[in-house]
Amino acid sequence: MNIHINGQAYKLAHENPVNVTAALALYFTEPQQSTFAVALNSDFIGKDDYDQTMLKHGDSLDVLQPIQGG
């Protein structure tokens, strides 16, 4: 199964669906201390739904972090 996270392709060795939480573990190499939002195929999903939201072949996740400035 192939998915994309922030435009980067990830090839998963198995065809079984994975949830958003597992996919984010591929993307983040260290635990995140900051807030971020996740969109699946351009639709935002709530943090409470990460474990129940299953990804399919070809899905795309966008991980967005706030930017501060002035």
PDB file of N, CA and C in Angstrom:
ATOM      1  N   MET A   1       0.845  -1.170   0.000  1.00  0.00           N
ATOM      2  CA  MET A   1       0.000   0.000   0.000  1.00  0.00           C
ATOM      3  C   MET A   1       0.892   1.236   0.000  1.00  0.00           C
ATOM      4  N   ASN A   2       0.542   2.212  -0.793  1.00  0.00           N
ATOM      5  CA  ASN A   2       1.276   3.476  -0.864  1.00  0.00           C
ATOM      6  C   ASN A   2       0.405   4.600  -0.329  1.00  0.00           C
ATOM      7  N   ILE A   3       1.013   5.435   0.522  1.00  0.00           N
ATOM      8  CA  ILE A   3       0.350   6.640   1.005  1.00  0.00           C
ATOM      9  C   ILE A   3       1.331   7.802   0.869  1.00  0.00           C
ATOM     10  N   HIS A   4       0.834   9.009   0.979  1.00  0.00           N
ATOM     11  CA  HIS A   4       1.675  10.201   0.962  1.00  0.00           C
ATOM     12  C   HIS A   4       1.431  11.001   2.236  1.00  0.00           C
ATOM     13  N   ILE A   5       2.517  11.484   2.831  1.00  0.00           N
ATOM     14  CA  ILE A   5       2.428  12.362   3.993  1.00  0.00           C
ATOM     15  C   ILE A   5       3.236  13.605   3.667  1.00  0.00           C
ATOM     16  N   ASN A   6       2.554  14.735   3.616  1.00  0.00           N
ATOM     17  CA  ASN A   6       3.166  16.014   3.218  1.00  0.00           C
ATOM     18  C   ASN A   6       3.938  15.880   1.908  1.00  0.00           C
ATOM     19  N   GLY A   7       3.353  15.157   0.969  1.00  0.00           N
ATOM     20  CA  GLY A   7       3.938  15.021  -0.356  1.00  0.00           C
ATOM     21  C   GLY A   7       5.002  13.956  -0.490  1.00  0.00           C
ATOM     22  N   GLN A   8       5.420  13.361   0.614  1.00  0.00           N
ATOM     23  CA  GLN A   8       6.450  12.313   0.568  1.00  0.00           C
ATOM     24  C   GLN A   8       5.768  10.947   0.504  1.00  0.00           C
ATOM     25  N   ALA A   9       6.216  10.122  -0.428  1.00  0.00           N
ATOM     26  CA  ALA A   9       5.624   8.792  -0.604  1.00  0.00           C
ATOM     27  C   ALA A   9       6.147   7.826   0.446  1.00  0.00           C
ATOM     28  N   TYR A  10       5.245   7.021   0.969  1.00  0.00           N
ATOM     29  CA  TYR A  10       5.588   5.950   1.910  1.00  0.00           C
ATOM     30  C   TYR A  10       4.998   4.663   1.361  1.00  0.00           C
ATOM     31  N   LYS A  11       5.847   3.674   1.172  1.00  0.00           N
ATOM     32  CA  LYS A  11       5.383   2.362   0.710  1.00  0.00           C
ATOM     33  C   LYS A  11       5.330   1.447   1.920  1.00  0.00           C
ATOM     34  N   LEU A  12       4.134   0.975   2.221  1.00  0.00           N
ATOM     35  CA  LEU A  12       3.958   0.085   3.355  1.00  0.00           C
ATOM     36  C   LEU A  12       4.054  -1.351   2.864  1.00  0.00           C
ATOM     37  N   ALA A  13       4.695  -2.185   3.643  1.00  0.00           N
ATOM     38  CA  ALA A  13       4.999  -3.553   3.219  1.00  0.00           C
ATOM     39  C   ALA A  13       3.768  -4.446   3.154  1.00  0.00           C
ATOM     40  N   HIS A  14       2.690  -4.029   3.751  1.00  0.00           N
ATOM     41  CA  HIS A  14       1.501  -4.886   3.788  1.00  0.00           C
ATOM     42  C   HIS A  14       0.313  -4.169   3.161  1.00  0.00           C
ATOM     43  N   GLU A  15      -0.684  -4.918   2.821  1.00  0.00           N
ATOM     44  CA  GLU A  15      -1.877  -4.348   2.192  1.00  0.00           C
ATOM     45  C   GLU A  15      -2.974  -4.052   3.205  1.00  0.00           C
ATOM     46  N   ASN A  16      -2.763  -4.431   4.470  1.00  0.00           N
ATOM     47  CA  ASN A  16      -3.771  -4.154   5.482  1.00  0.00           C
ATOM     48  C   ASN A  16      -3.840  -2.660   5.759  1.00  0.00           C
ATOM     49  N   PRO A  17      -5.032  -2.128   5.954  1.00  0.00           N
ATOM     50  CA  PRO A  17      -5.148  -0.700   6.234  1.00  0.00           C
ATOM     51  C   PRO A  17      -4.468  -0.338   7.557  1.00  0.00           C
ATOM     52  N   VAL A  18      -3.940   0.853   7.621  1.00  0.00           N
ATOM     53  CA  VAL A  18      -3.369   1.385   8.855  1.00  0.00           C
ATOM     54  C   VAL A  18      -4.162   2.632   9.241  1.00  0.00           C
ATOM     55  N   ASN A  19      -4.135   2.969  10.519  1.00  0.00           N
ATOM     56  CA  ASN A  19      -4.858   4.159  10.943  1.00  0.00           C
ATOM     57  C   ASN A  19      -3.946   5.378  10.896  1.00  0.00           C
ATOM     58  N   VAL A  20      -4.525   6.538  11.126  1.00  0.00           N
ATOM     59  CA  VAL A  20      -3.775   7.784  11.052  1.00  0.00           C
ATOM     60  C   VAL A  20      -2.671   7.808  12.103  1.00  0.00           C
ATOM     61  N   THR A  21      -2.945   7.303  13.291  1.00  0.00           N
ATOM     62  CA  THR A  21      -1.930   7.275  14.350  1.00  0.00           C
ATOM     63  C   THR A  21      -0.689   6.517  13.899  1.00  0.00           C
ATOM     64  N   ALA A  22      -0.869   5.358  13.285  1.00  0.00           N
ATOM     65  CA  ALA A  22       0.271   4.563  12.811  1.00  0.00           C
ATOM     66  C   ALA A  22       1.009   5.283  11.692  1.00  0.00           C
ATOM     67  N   ALA A  23       0.285   5.942  10.812  1.00  0.00           N
ATOM     68  CA  ALA A  23       0.922   6.674   9.714  1.00  0.00           C
ATOM     69  C   ALA A  23       1.749   7.844  10.250  1.00  0.00           C
ATOM     70  N   LEU A  24       1.243   8.526  11.258  1.00  0.00           N
ATOM     71  CA  LEU A  24       1.992   9.640  11.834  1.00  0.00           C
ATOM     72  C   LEU A  24       3.279   9.161  12.504  1.00  0.00           C
ATOM     73  N   ALA A  25       3.271   7.941  13.012  1.00  0.00           N
ATOM     74  CA  ALA A  25       4.488   7.369  13.600  1.00  0.00           C
ATOM     75  C   ALA A  25       5.568   7.189  12.540  1.00  0.00           C
ATOM     76  N   LEU A  26       5.178   6.971  11.298  1.00  0.00           N
ATOM     77  CA  LEU A  26       6.152   6.898  10.202  1.00  0.00           C
ATOM     78  C   LEU A  26       6.749   8.264   9.907  1.00  0.00           C
ATOM     79  N   TYR A  27       5.919   9.290  10.016  1.00  0.00           N
ATOM     80  CA  TYR A  27       6.320  10.641   9.644  1.00  0.00           C
ATOM     81  C   TYR A  27       7.176  11.319  10.714  1.00  0.00           C
ATOM     82  N   PHE A  28       6.728  11.239  11.956  1.00  0.00           N
ATOM     83  CA  PHE A  28       7.457  11.888  13.045  1.00  0.00           C
ATOM     84  C   PHE A  28       8.506  10.932  13.601  1.00  0.00           C
ATOM     85  N   THR A  29       9.749  11.353  13.610  1.00  0.00           N
ATOM     86  CA  THR A  29      10.820  10.498  14.137  1.00  0.00           C
ATOM     87  C   THR A  29      10.972  10.647  15.644  1.00  0.00           C
ATOM     88  N   GLU A  30      10.400  11.720  16.211  1.00  0.00           N
ATOM     89  CA  GLU A  30      10.431  11.955  17.651  1.00  0.00           C
ATOM     90  C   GLU A  30       9.032  12.361  18.104  1.00  0.00           C
ATOM     91  N   PRO A  31       8.702  12.103  19.373  1.00  0.00           N
ATOM     92  CA  PRO A  31       7.389  12.536  19.877  1.00  0.00           C
ATOM     93  C   PRO A  31       7.218  14.048  19.731  1.00  0.00           C
ATOM     94  N   GLN A  32       6.026  14.457  19.338  1.00  0.00           N
ATOM     95  CA  GLN A  32       5.755  15.872  19.093  1.00  0.00           C
ATOM     96  C   GLN A  32       5.293  16.572  20.357  1.00  0.00           C
ATOM     97  N   GLN A  33       5.924  17.696  20.648  1.00  0.00           N
ATOM     98  CA  GLN A  33       5.535  18.528  21.779  1.00  0.00           C
ATOM     99  C   GLN A  33       4.625  19.666  21.342  1.00  0.00           C
ATOM    100  N   SER A  34       4.608  19.952  20.058  1.00  0.00           N
ATOM    101  CA  SER A  34       3.819  21.079  19.557  1.00  0.00           C
ATOM    102  C   SER A  34       2.485  20.588  18.993  1.00  0.00           C
ATOM    103  N   THR A  35       1.601  21.528  18.810  1.00  0.00           N
ATOM    104  CA  THR A  35       0.287  21.247  18.257  1.00  0.00           C
ATOM    105  C   THR A  35       0.383  21.131  16.736  1.00  0.00           C
ATOM    106  N   PHE A  36      -0.405  20.242  16.166  1.00  0.00           N
ATOM    107  CA  PHE A  36      -0.475  20.126  14.714  1.00  0.00           C
ATOM    108  C   PHE A  36      -1.870  19.663  14.318  1.00  0.00           C
ATOM    109  N   ALA A  37      -2.220  19.910  13.078  1.00  0.00           N
ATOM    110  CA  ALA A  37      -3.504  19.477  12.523  1.00  0.00           C
ATOM    111  C   ALA A  37      -3.226  18.512  11.384  1.00  0.00           C
ATOM    112  N   VAL A  38      -4.178  17.621  11.134  1.00  0.00           N
ATOM    113  CA  VAL A  38      -4.019  16.615  10.081  1.00  0.00           C
ATOM    114  C   VAL A  38      -5.222  16.654   9.152  1.00  0.00           C
ATOM    115  N   ALA A  39      -4.931  16.655   7.858  1.00  0.00           N
ATOM    116  CA  ALA A  39      -5.982  16.568   6.844  1.00  0.00           C
ATOM    117  C   ALA A  39      -5.770  15.287   6.042  1.00  0.00           C
ATOM    118  N   LEU A  40      -6.829  14.542   5.855  1.00  0.00           N
ATOM    119  CA  LEU A  40      -6.809  13.331   5.037  1.00  0.00           C
ATOM    120  C   LEU A  40      -7.521  13.644   3.741  1.00  0.00           C
ATOM    121  N   ASN A  41      -6.769  13.593   2.640  1.00  0.00           N
ATOM    122  CA  ASN A  41      -7.330  13.924   1.321  1.00  0.00           C
ATOM    123  C   ASN A  41      -8.053  15.276   1.351  1.00  0.00           C
ATOM    124  N   SER A  42      -7.396  16.254   1.987  1.00  0.00           N
ATOM    125  CA  SER A  42      -7.851  17.651   2.083  1.00  0.00           C
ATOM    126  C   SER A  42      -8.980  17.896   3.071  1.00  0.00           C
ATOM    127  N   ASP A  43      -9.411  16.879   3.811  1.00  0.00           N
ATOM    128  CA  ASP A  43     -10.454  17.052   4.832  1.00  0.00           C
ATOM    129  C   ASP A  43      -9.823  16.895   6.210  1.00  0.00           C
ATOM    130  N   PHE A  44      -9.945  17.938   7.045  1.00  0.00           N
ATOM    131  CA  PHE A  44      -9.369  17.871   8.375  1.00  0.00           C
ATOM    132  C   PHE A  44     -10.065  16.806   9.213  1.00  0.00           C
ATOM    133  N   ILE A  45      -9.273  16.124  10.034  1.00  0.00           N
ATOM    134  CA  ILE A  45      -9.831  15.133  10.951  1.00  0.00           C
ATOM    135  C   ILE A  45      -9.404  15.490  12.367  1.00  0.00           C
ATOM    136  N   GLY A  46     -10.292  15.255  13.311  1.00  0.00           N
ATOM    137  CA  GLY A  46     -10.022  15.567  14.706  1.00  0.00           C
ATOM    138  C   GLY A  46      -9.076  14.554  15.331  1.00  0.00           C
ATOM    139  N   LYS A  47      -8.335  15.008  16.317  1.00  0.00           N
ATOM    140  CA  LYS A  47      -7.365  14.145  16.986  1.00  0.00           C
ATOM    141  C   LYS A  47      -8.032  12.920  17.600  1.00  0.00           C
ATOM    142  N   ASP A  48      -9.260  13.075  18.070  1.00  0.00           N
ATOM    143  CA  ASP A  48      -9.985  11.951  18.659  1.00  0.00           C
ATOM    144  C   ASP A  48     -10.306  10.868  17.635  1.00  0.00           C
ATOM    145  N   ASP A  49     -10.230  11.191  16.341  1.00  0.00           N
ATOM    146  CA  ASP A  49     -10.568  10.239  15.281  1.00  0.00           C
ATOM    147  C   ASP A  49      -9.352   9.552  14.666  1.00  0.00           C
ATOM    148  N   TYR A  50      -8.140   9.900  15.096  1.00  0.00           N
ATOM    149  CA  TYR A  50      -6.932   9.332  14.485  1.00  0.00           C
ATOM    150  C   TYR A  50      -6.911   7.806  14.550  1.00  0.00           C
ATOM    151  N   ASP A  51      -7.279   7.238  15.694  1.00  0.00           N
ATOM    152  CA  ASP A  51      -7.208   5.780  15.854  1.00  0.00           C
ATOM    153  C   ASP A  51      -8.261   5.044  15.031  1.00  0.00           C
ATOM    154  N   GLN A  52      -9.401   5.673  14.804  1.00  0.00           N
ATOM    155  CA  GLN A  52     -10.494   5.017  14.067  1.00  0.00           C
ATOM    156  C   GLN A  52     -10.465   5.281  12.576  1.00  0.00           C
ATOM    157  N   THR A  53      -9.682   6.268  12.137  1.00  0.00           N
ATOM    158  CA  THR A  53      -9.651   6.628  10.714  1.00  0.00           C
ATOM    159  C   THR A  53      -8.606   5.778  10.001  1.00  0.00           C
ATOM    160  N   MET A  54      -9.079   4.897   9.133  1.00  0.00           N
ATOM    161  CA  MET A  54      -8.201   3.984   8.415  1.00  0.00           C
ATOM    162  C   MET A  54      -7.812   4.583   7.066  1.00  0.00           C
ATOM    163  N   LEU A  55      -6.569   4.358   6.686  1.00  0.00           N
ATOM    164  CA  LEU A  55      -6.065   4.841   5.408  1.00  0.00           C
ATOM    165  C   LEU A  55      -6.149   3.740   4.365  1.00  0.00           C
ATOM    166  N   LYS A  56      -6.312   4.170   3.118  1.00  0.00           N
ATOM    167  CA  LYS A  56      -6.360   3.241   1.993  1.00  0.00           C
ATOM    168  C   LYS A  56      -5.229   3.575   1.025  1.00  0.00           C
ATOM    169  N   HIS A  57      -4.969   2.662   0.129  1.00  0.00           N
ATOM    170  CA  HIS A  57      -3.955   2.869  -0.909  1.00  0.00           C
ATOM    171  C   HIS A  57      -4.214   4.189  -1.630  1.00  0.00           C
ATOM    172  N   GLY A  58      -3.169   5.010  -1.723  1.00  0.00           N
ATOM    173  CA  GLY A  58      -3.265   6.270  -2.448  1.00  0.00           C
ATOM    174  C   GLY A  58      -3.703   7.458  -1.621  1.00  0.00           C
ATOM    175  N   ASP A  59      -4.058   7.237  -0.342  1.00  0.00           N
ATOM    176  CA  ASP A  59      -4.479   8.356   0.500  1.00  0.00           C
ATOM    177  C   ASP A  59      -3.323   9.315   0.744  1.00  0.00           C
ATOM    178  N   SER A  60      -3.691  10.554   1.042  1.00  0.00           N
ATOM    179  CA  SER A  60      -2.705  11.600   1.282  1.00  0.00           C
ATOM    180  C   SER A  60      -3.012  12.305   2.600  1.00  0.00           C
ATOM    181  N   LEU A  61      -2.006  12.382   3.463  1.00  0.00           N
ATOM    182  CA  LEU A  61      -2.127  13.117   4.717  1.00  0.00           C
ATOM    183  C   LEU A  61      -1.305  14.397   4.620  1.00  0.00           C
ATOM    184  N   ASP A  62      -1.870  15.475   5.115  1.00  0.00           N
ATOM    185  CA  ASP A  62      -1.137  16.731   5.254  1.00  0.00           C
ATOM    186  C   ASP A  62      -1.059  17.042   6.740  1.00  0.00           C
ATOM    187  N   VAL A  63       0.161  17.217   7.248  1.00  0.00           N
ATOM    188  CA  VAL A  63       0.396  17.557   8.634  1.00  0.00           C
ATOM    189  C   VAL A  63       0.774  19.034   8.673  1.00  0.00           C
ATOM    190  N   LEU A  64      -0.045  19.819   9.362  1.00  0.00           N
ATOM    191  CA  LEU A  64       0.147  21.261   9.384  1.00  0.00           C
ATOM    192  C   LEU A  64       0.459  21.725  10.809  1.00  0.00           C
ATOM    193  N   GLN A  65       1.541  22.487  10.922  1.00  0.00           N
ATOM    194  CA  GLN A  65       1.931  23.020  12.218  1.00  0.00           C
ATOM    195  C   GLN A  65       1.805  24.540  12.183  1.00  0.00           C
ATOM    196  N   PRO A  66       1.376  25.133  13.301  1.00  0.00           N
ATOM    197  CA  PRO A  66       1.226  26.598  13.306  1.00  0.00           C
ATOM    198  C   PRO A  66       2.555  27.302  13.149  1.00  0.00           C
ATOM    199  N   ILE A  67       2.488  28.452  12.503  1.00  0.00           N
ATOM    200  CA  ILE A  67       3.678  29.281  12.299  1.00  0.00           C
ATOM    201  C   ILE A  67       3.436  30.595  13.028  1.00  0.00           C
ATOM    202  N   GLN A  68       4.402  30.985  13.834  1.00  0.00           N
ATOM    203  CA  GLN A  68       4.294  32.253  14.545  1.00  0.00           C
ATOM    204  C   GLN A  68       5.143  33.308  13.848  1.00  0.00           C
ATOM    205  N   GLY A  69       4.677  34.471  13.907  1.00  0.00           N
ATOM    206  CA  GLY A  69       5.433  35.557  13.282  1.00  0.00           C
ATOM    207  C   GLY A  69       4.775  36.897  13.576  1.00  0.00           C
ATOM    208  N   GLY A  70       5.367  37.893  13.061  1.00  0.00           N
ATOM    209  CA  GLY A  70       4.754  39.178  13.358  1.00  0.00           C
ATOM    210  C   GLY A  70       5.113  40.240  12.390  1.00  0.00           C
TER     211      GLY A  70
END
